[in-house]
Amino acid sequence: MKNTMIAGLAGALLLSTAGFAYAAQGTTVVPAGQQSPQTEVAQAETPAEAPAAADEAPAASEAPAASTGTSGQESAPAGDDASSAAAAPAEGGGASVAGVSNPEPDANPSADTKAESNTVATIKPADAAEDPGLALDSAEKPVYAFAEDGTADWYTWRGYKKYGANCLQCHGPDGMGSSFAPNLLESLQTIDYYEFAGIIVGGQQNQWGSNNSIMPAWGEDPNVMCSLNAIYTYLRGRSDGVVDRGEPKRPGKSDLAQAAQQKEYDCLGF
């Protein structure tokens, strides 16, 4: 009996000593069926860490930085393409075409409109060396540019004026022809801008009517040559059916209109 008690005390002392040793090592003895306090703490802390990861997620979804393409230029994020295209000048360095609203041409428009449409691709800036404010189509040929309120651009309006001063005597009012010269609205349905300009500069003979016809060469006349693009722009609009007979609505003052008028004056030597 005495030996049994001694053995029991020794076993209890051994368990106590082992318990202190585990405690010293940071280890907790957990009864079966229960969880370690550390496990409970870890489980309690896990949800607290999840929001941190969620908070970091938006950083990955932020708009990507501009990337550099093969040309070495930075490209804007894909989501900004539409707004960038609307705000940026059209290709070629011209002014923005925002606010231009050209009417639909008729069923049998000018040759250039048939080939390129009457969409304005670019407008020359006010500091352009030649023809500031002139609207161009995708083939870089002069084209009218109507504002949303129906006001014509300066070149269309000025072309009407210069046509009346230099061309009406033979080709009739509004470009509709006479007994002396052809209907230019019909002529522009078969010739493009470059052919038109070539005829203005070099003249033409025996190309119209049954009688002997002579189109004088105007290549050295500044009253015509300084306004050639304006006259063509006006006649293209007439041929396309978007410019009515009579004087187009005159545009208001603007930097482009003033620059265009000044350039004409300079050309004429005023």
Protein backbone atom coordinates (compact mmCIF):
# COMPACT_ATOMS: atom_id res chain seq x y z
CA MET A 1 0.00 0.00 0.00
CA LYS A 2 2.76 2.39 0.93
CA ASN A 3 4.60 1.56 -2.29
CA THR A 4 1.43 2.20 -4.30
CA MET A 5 0.99 5.69 -2.77
CA ILE A 6 4.63 6.56 -3.47
CA ALA A 7 4.21 5.47 -7.10
CA GLY A 8 1.07 7.65 -7.46
CA LEU A 9 2.80 10.72 -6.00
CA ALA A 10 5.74 10.18 -8.36
CA GLY A 11 3.40 9.97 -11.36
CA ALA A 12 1.60 13.19 -10.39
CA LEU A 13 4.93 14.95 -9.93
CA LEU A 14 6.03 13.73 -13.38
CA LEU A 15 2.87 15.07 -15.05
CA SER A 16 3.29 18.47 -13.34
CA THR A 17 6.91 18.68 -14.46
CA ALA A 18 5.93 17.81 -18.06
CA GLY A 19 3.21 20.43 -17.96
CA PHE A 20 5.67 23.14 -16.94
CA ALA A 21 8.01 22.02 -19.71
CA TYR A 22 5.29 22.31 -22.37
CA ALA A 23 4.23 25.68 -21.01
CA ALA A 24 7.80 26.89 -21.21
CA GLN A 25 7.86 25.89 -24.89
CA GLY A 26 4.60 27.78 -25.59
CA THR A 27 2.58 24.61 -25.96
CA THR A 28 -0.85 24.20 -24.36
CA VAL A 29 -2.25 20.84 -23.37
CA VAL A 30 -5.83 20.69 -24.65
CA PRO A 31 -8.35 18.20 -23.27
CA ALA A 32 -9.96 15.98 -25.87
CA GLY A 33 -13.07 17.45 -27.49
CA GLN A 34 -12.00 21.07 -26.87
CA GLN A 35 -10.23 23.58 -29.08
CA SER A 36 -6.99 25.27 -28.34
CA PRO A 37 -7.34 28.91 -27.29
CA GLN A 38 -4.87 29.75 -30.05
CA THR A 39 -7.14 28.04 -32.62
CA GLU A 40 -10.11 30.02 -31.39
CA VAL A 41 -8.11 33.24 -31.62
CA ALA A 42 -6.89 32.34 -35.11
CA GLN A 43 -10.44 31.59 -36.25
CA ALA A 44 -11.67 34.82 -34.73
CA GLU A 45 -8.94 36.78 -36.50
CA THR A 46 -9.44 35.25 -39.93
CA PRO A 47 -12.55 37.31 -40.87
CA ALA A 48 -10.73 40.45 -39.73
CA GLU A 49 -7.99 39.75 -42.28
CA ALA A 50 -10.42 39.16 -45.15
CA PRO A 51 -11.55 42.81 -45.39
CA ALA A 52 -7.92 43.82 -45.70
CA ALA A 53 -7.65 41.66 -48.82
CA ALA A 54 -10.95 43.07 -50.06
CA ASP A 55 -9.69 46.59 -49.45
CA GLU A 56 -6.70 45.84 -51.64
CA ALA A 57 -8.82 44.48 -54.49
CA PRO A 58 -9.80 47.87 -55.97
CA ALA A 59 -6.13 48.65 -56.50
CA ALA A 60 -6.00 45.84 -59.03
CA SER A 61 -9.11 47.13 -60.81
CA GLU A 62 -7.93 50.71 -61.07
CA ALA A 63 -7.47 52.11 -64.60
CA PRO A 64 -4.20 50.75 -65.97
CA ALA A 65 -1.37 53.14 -66.53
CA ALA A 66 -0.73 54.28 -70.08
CA SER A 67 1.18 51.64 -71.94
CA THR A 68 3.89 52.23 -74.46
CA GLY A 69 3.32 50.83 -77.93
CA THR A 70 5.80 49.82 -80.55
CA SER A 71 6.07 53.40 -81.73
CA GLY A 72 7.30 54.52 -78.35
CA GLN A 73 4.25 56.72 -77.77
CA GLU A 74 2.03 56.30 -74.80
CA SER A 75 -1.44 54.95 -75.45
CA ALA A 76 -4.43 55.89 -73.34
CA PRO A 77 -6.49 53.26 -71.49
CA ALA A 78 -9.04 51.53 -73.70
CA GLY A 79 -11.95 52.99 -71.80
CA ASP A 80 -10.92 56.53 -72.74
CA ASP A 81 -10.78 55.96 -76.52
CA ALA A 82 -14.18 57.45 -77.31
CA SER A 83 -13.73 60.61 -75.26
CA SER A 84 -10.19 61.10 -76.58
CA ALA A 85 -11.33 60.76 -80.18
CA ALA A 86 -14.08 63.31 -79.63
CA ALA A 87 -11.82 65.86 -77.96
CA ALA A 88 -8.69 65.48 -80.08
CA PRO A 89 -8.17 67.30 -83.36
CA ALA A 90 -8.75 65.35 -86.43
CA GLU A 91 -5.82 63.60 -88.06
CA GLY A 92 -3.52 66.00 -89.87
CA GLY A 93 -3.41 68.67 -87.17
CA GLY A 94 -6.59 70.52 -88.19
CA ALA A 95 -9.14 72.00 -85.83
CA SER A 96 -11.73 69.76 -84.25
CA VAL A 97 -14.79 68.93 -86.41
CA ALA A 98 -17.10 69.05 -83.40
CA GLY A 99 -20.23 71.03 -84.22
CA VAL A 100 -20.14 70.27 -87.97
CA SER A 101 -23.41 68.85 -89.26
CA ASN A 102 -23.40 68.47 -93.03
CA PRO A 103 -26.75 67.62 -94.65
CA GLU A 104 -27.17 64.43 -96.64
CA PRO A 105 -26.32 64.97 -100.34
CA ASP A 106 -28.90 64.26 -102.99
CA ALA A 107 -29.06 61.08 -105.05
CA ASN A 108 -26.70 62.34 -107.75
CA PRO A 109 -24.00 64.41 -106.02
CA SER A 110 -20.62 65.68 -107.17
CA ALA A 111 -17.92 63.22 -108.22
CA ASP A 112 -15.88 63.91 -105.08
CA THR A 113 -18.85 63.32 -102.78
CA LYS A 114 -19.64 60.08 -104.60
CA ALA A 115 -16.07 58.94 -104.01
CA GLU A 116 -15.41 60.29 -100.52
CA SER A 117 -18.82 61.33 -99.06
CA ASN A 118 -19.30 64.86 -97.75
CA THR A 119 -17.98 64.10 -94.27
CA VAL A 120 -15.51 66.64 -92.93
CA ALA A 121 -12.29 64.84 -92.00
CA THR A 122 -10.34 67.87 -90.83
CA ILE A 123 -10.42 71.66 -90.71
CA LYS A 124 -7.24 73.64 -91.21
CA PRO A 125 -6.21 75.64 -88.13
CA ALA A 126 -6.22 79.43 -88.02
CA ASP A 127 -2.42 79.53 -88.31
CA ALA A 128 -2.27 77.34 -91.43
CA ALA A 129 0.04 78.66 -94.14
CA GLU A 130 -2.67 78.22 -96.79
CA ASP A 131 -6.47 78.42 -96.57
CA PRO A 132 -6.92 78.62 -92.78
CA GLY A 133 -10.32 77.32 -91.72
CA LEU A 134 -10.85 75.30 -94.91
CA ALA A 135 -12.71 72.02 -94.37
CA LEU A 136 -11.32 68.94 -96.11
CA ASP A 137 -12.76 65.51 -96.80
CA SER A 138 -10.86 62.25 -96.31
CA ALA A 139 -9.08 62.78 -99.66
CA GLU A 140 -8.02 66.29 -98.55
CA LYS A 141 -10.32 67.99 -101.05
CA PRO A 142 -12.29 71.12 -100.09
CA VAL A 143 -15.76 70.45 -98.72
CA TYR A 144 -18.43 72.62 -97.10
CA ALA A 145 -18.90 72.52 -93.33
CA PHE A 146 -22.33 73.45 -91.98
CA ALA A 147 -22.89 74.30 -88.34
CA GLU A 148 -25.73 72.59 -86.51
CA ASP A 149 -27.91 75.69 -86.95
CA GLY A 150 -27.53 75.49 -90.74
CA THR A 151 -24.95 78.27 -91.06
CA ALA A 152 -22.43 77.67 -93.83
CA ASP A 153 -18.70 77.92 -93.27
CA TRP A 154 -16.80 80.99 -94.44
CA TYR A 155 -15.51 79.32 -97.65
CA THR A 156 -18.98 78.28 -98.80
CA TRP A 157 -20.34 81.77 -98.23
CA ARG A 158 -17.29 83.46 -99.75
CA GLY A 159 -17.39 81.10 -102.73
CA TYR A 160 -20.89 82.32 -103.53
CA LYS A 161 -19.66 85.91 -103.49
CA LYS A 162 -16.59 85.24 -105.64
CA TYR A 163 -18.57 83.10 -108.08
CA GLY A 164 -20.95 86.02 -108.57
CA ALA A 165 -18.05 88.37 -109.22
CA ASN A 166 -16.06 86.16 -111.60
CA CYS A 167 -18.14 83.29 -113.01
CA LEU A 168 -21.81 84.23 -113.12
CA GLN A 169 -21.51 86.23 -116.36
CA CYS A 170 -20.95 83.04 -118.36
CA HIS A 171 -22.13 80.16 -116.15
CA GLY A 172 -25.30 81.85 -114.97
CA PRO A 173 -26.75 82.42 -111.51
CA ASP A 174 -26.06 79.75 -108.87
CA GLY A 175 -23.85 77.78 -111.28
CA MET A 176 -26.80 76.55 -113.35
CA GLY A 177 -25.38 77.40 -116.76
CA SER A 178 -26.39 79.62 -119.65
CA SER A 179 -26.29 79.72 -123.43
CA PHE A 180 -22.60 80.68 -123.14
CA ALA A 181 -21.25 78.08 -120.71
CA PRO A 182 -22.23 74.76 -119.11
CA ASN A 183 -24.15 74.04 -115.92
CA LEU A 184 -21.35 73.62 -113.37
CA LEU A 185 -23.53 71.58 -111.01
CA GLU A 186 -23.73 68.94 -113.71
CA SER A 187 -20.07 69.33 -114.65
CA LEU A 188 -18.96 68.56 -111.07
CA GLN A 189 -20.84 65.27 -111.23
CA THR A 190 -18.25 64.02 -113.72
CA ILE A 191 -15.03 65.86 -112.80
CA ASP A 192 -13.24 66.01 -109.45
CA TYR A 193 -11.56 68.87 -107.64
CA TYR A 194 -8.22 68.50 -109.42
CA GLU A 195 -9.79 68.47 -112.89
CA PHE A 196 -11.87 71.50 -111.94
CA ALA A 197 -8.79 73.38 -110.73
CA GLY A 198 -6.87 72.42 -113.86
CA ILE A 199 -9.58 73.88 -116.10
CA ILE A 200 -9.68 77.10 -114.05
CA VAL A 201 -5.92 77.50 -114.25
CA GLY A 202 -5.32 76.45 -117.86
CA GLY A 203 -8.63 77.11 -119.58
CA GLN A 204 -10.47 74.89 -122.05
CA GLN A 205 -11.61 75.05 -125.66
CA ASN A 206 -14.25 73.26 -127.70
CA GLN A 207 -15.34 71.07 -124.83
CA TRP A 208 -18.91 72.24 -124.50
CA GLY A 209 -21.82 72.73 -126.89
CA SER A 210 -21.89 72.47 -130.62
CA ASN A 211 -20.40 75.91 -131.15
CA ASN A 212 -16.85 77.03 -130.64
CA SER A 213 -16.50 77.42 -126.87
CA ILE A 214 -13.59 78.94 -125.01
CA MET A 215 -13.03 78.81 -121.27
CA PRO A 216 -10.37 81.44 -120.49
CA ALA A 217 -7.36 80.54 -118.39
CA TRP A 218 -7.51 82.26 -115.00
CA GLY A 219 -4.22 81.00 -113.61
CA GLU A 220 -2.67 84.48 -113.43
CA ASP A 221 -5.75 86.34 -112.19
CA PRO A 222 -5.57 86.77 -108.39
CA ASN A 223 -9.28 87.63 -108.23
CA VAL A 224 -9.98 84.02 -109.19
CA MET A 225 -6.93 82.13 -107.96
CA CYS A 226 -7.02 83.62 -104.45
CA SER A 227 -10.57 82.26 -104.12
CA LEU A 228 -10.40 79.06 -106.16
CA ASN A 229 -11.01 76.77 -103.16
CA ALA A 230 -13.89 78.93 -101.97
CA ILE A 231 -15.54 78.82 -105.40
CA TYR A 232 -15.13 75.04 -105.58
CA THR A 233 -16.50 74.56 -102.05
CA TYR A 234 -19.60 76.58 -102.93
CA LEU A 235 -20.16 74.74 -106.23
CA ARG A 236 -19.65 71.33 -104.59
CA GLY A 237 -22.39 72.20 -102.13
CA ARG A 238 -24.65 73.28 -104.99
CA SER A 239 -23.90 70.10 -106.96
CA ASP A 240 -24.61 67.97 -103.85
CA GLY A 241 -27.96 69.68 -103.38
CA VAL A 242 -27.13 70.97 -99.88
CA VAL A 243 -26.61 74.65 -100.79
CA ASP A 244 -29.76 76.37 -102.00
CA ARG A 245 -29.99 79.04 -104.66
CA GLY A 246 -29.09 82.51 -103.48
CA GLU A 247 -26.65 83.61 -100.82
CA PRO A 248 -25.89 81.09 -98.08
CA LYS A 249 -26.36 82.21 -94.51
CA ARG A 250 -23.25 84.19 -93.59
CA PRO A 251 -21.23 82.78 -90.68
CA GLY A 252 -20.54 84.91 -87.64
CA LYS A 253 -17.16 86.23 -86.64
CA SER A 254 -14.67 83.61 -85.51
CA ASP A 255 -10.93 83.13 -85.43
CA LEU A 256 -11.11 80.79 -88.44
CA ALA A 257 -13.28 83.15 -90.50
CA GLN A 258 -11.07 86.15 -89.71
CA ALA A 259 -7.92 84.20 -90.54
CA ALA A 260 -9.43 83.06 -93.86
CA GLN A 261 -10.47 86.60 -94.80
CA GLN A 262 -7.06 87.99 -93.89
CA LYS A 263 -5.32 85.32 -95.97
CA GLU A 264 -7.44 86.29 -98.98
CA TYR A 265 -6.56 89.95 -98.47
CA ASP A 266 -2.86 89.05 -98.26
CA CYS A 267 -3.15 87.06 -101.49
CA LEU A 268 -4.80 90.00 -103.25
CA GLY A 269 -2.14 92.36 -101.94
CA PHE A 270 -4.41 94.46 -99.75
